[in-house]
């Protein structure tokens, strides 16, 4: 099952995407967006490889420095712009 994660590649690109870990030491990413700082304390998301025809890209784990789950606010922003549009509540219900 794909989960939203931040992925830092050995090229120093930082992307947020839906990640599925595969048995062959690879990951498949879908709907990737590059994360770029645009000001003090501000980030922007832009499509990563927007010219790719396929919606899933397989990357060898030897090209990945690390992966982690993003903050809820960042995951919600990604989901709104590039994903299903569903967001997780951040405060008390």
Protein backbone atom coordinates (compact mmCIF):
# COMPACT_ATOMS: atom_id res chain seq x y z
CA UNK A 1 0.00 0.00 0.00
CA UNK A 2 1.32 3.42 -0.93
CA UNK A 3 1.89 5.98 1.80
CA UNK A 4 2.87 9.65 1.54
CA UNK A 5 6.55 10.08 2.36
CA UNK A 6 9.37 12.54 1.96
CA UNK A 7 12.25 11.05 -0.04
CA UNK A 8 15.77 12.51 -0.18
CA UNK A 9 17.69 11.23 -3.20
CA UNK A 10 21.48 11.06 -3.45
CA UNK A 11 21.21 13.97 -5.91
CA UNK A 12 19.95 16.03 -2.91
CA UNK A 13 16.50 16.37 -4.46
CA UNK A 14 13.78 16.23 -1.84
CA UNK A 15 10.41 15.01 -3.03
CA UNK A 16 7.09 14.24 -1.46
CA UNK A 17 5.15 11.41 -3.06
CA UNK A 18 3.16 8.24 -2.59
CA UNK A 19 5.69 5.45 -1.98
CA UNK A 20 5.32 1.70 -2.37
CA UNK A 21 8.29 -0.36 -1.19
CA UNK A 22 9.05 -3.32 -3.46
CA UNK A 23 10.70 -6.67 -2.69
CA UNK A 24 13.56 -6.09 -5.16
CA UNK A 25 15.23 -3.24 -3.19
CA UNK A 26 13.35 -0.55 -5.12
CA UNK A 27 10.53 1.85 -4.42
CA UNK A 28 7.77 2.95 -6.75
CA UNK A 29 6.72 6.58 -6.42
CA UNK A 30 3.55 8.17 -7.72
CA UNK A 31 2.54 11.82 -8.08
CA UNK A 32 5.97 13.15 -7.00
CA UNK A 33 6.41 16.81 -6.13
CA UNK A 34 9.71 18.56 -5.49
CA UNK A 35 10.02 20.55 -2.28
CA UNK A 36 11.81 23.88 -2.58
CA UNK A 37 12.39 26.66 -0.05
CA UNK A 38 10.90 29.93 -1.32
CA UNK A 39 11.33 32.22 1.65
CA UNK A 40 11.99 32.23 5.32
CA UNK A 41 10.05 29.30 6.74
CA UNK A 42 8.14 28.74 3.48
CA UNK A 43 8.17 25.80 1.08
CA UNK A 44 6.77 25.33 -2.41
CA UNK A 45 5.74 22.12 -4.17
CA UNK A 46 6.16 21.72 -7.90
CA UNK A 47 5.60 18.60 -10.02
CA UNK A 48 8.75 16.46 -10.20
CA UNK A 49 9.36 15.06 -13.69
CA UNK A 50 6.16 16.58 -15.08
CA UNK A 51 7.08 15.43 -18.59
CA UNK A 52 6.98 11.71 -17.64
CA UNK A 53 4.18 9.74 -19.29
CA UNK A 54 3.95 7.12 -16.55
CA UNK A 55 2.34 7.86 -13.22
CA UNK A 56 4.67 5.47 -11.37
CA UNK A 57 8.46 5.68 -11.33
CA UNK A 58 10.65 2.92 -9.89
CA UNK A 59 13.84 3.99 -8.10
CA UNK A 60 16.58 1.77 -6.74
CA UNK A 61 17.08 2.13 -2.98
CA UNK A 62 20.80 2.78 -3.57
CA UNK A 63 19.69 6.17 -4.99
CA UNK A 64 17.76 7.06 -1.81
CA UNK A 65 19.51 8.70 1.15
CA UNK A 66 16.50 8.44 3.48
CA UNK A 67 12.70 8.51 3.68
CA UNK A 68 10.34 9.69 6.40
CA UNK A 69 6.71 10.56 7.01
CA UNK A 70 6.09 14.30 6.56
CA UNK A 71 4.42 16.57 9.09
CA UNK A 72 0.62 16.37 8.90
CA UNK A 73 0.35 19.91 7.54
CA UNK A 74 2.79 19.15 4.72
CA UNK A 75 1.08 15.84 3.89
CA UNK A 76 -2.28 17.65 3.80
CA UNK A 77 -0.92 20.33 1.46
CA UNK A 78 0.49 17.62 -0.83
CA UNK A 79 -2.77 15.68 -0.77
CA UNK A 80 -4.74 18.81 -1.64
CA UNK A 81 -2.53 19.70 -4.63
CA UNK A 82 -1.28 16.35 -5.96
CA UNK A 83 -3.21 13.56 -4.27
CA UNK A 84 -6.73 12.56 -3.38
CA UNK A 85 -7.63 15.86 -1.74
CA UNK A 86 -8.34 14.16 1.58
CA UNK A 87 -6.75 15.78 4.62
CA UNK A 88 -6.12 14.62 8.17
CA UNK A 89 -7.51 16.91 10.91
CA UNK A 90 -4.71 18.58 12.86
CA UNK A 91 -6.51 19.74 15.98
CA UNK A 92 -9.04 18.42 18.47
CA UNK A 93 -12.29 17.32 16.90
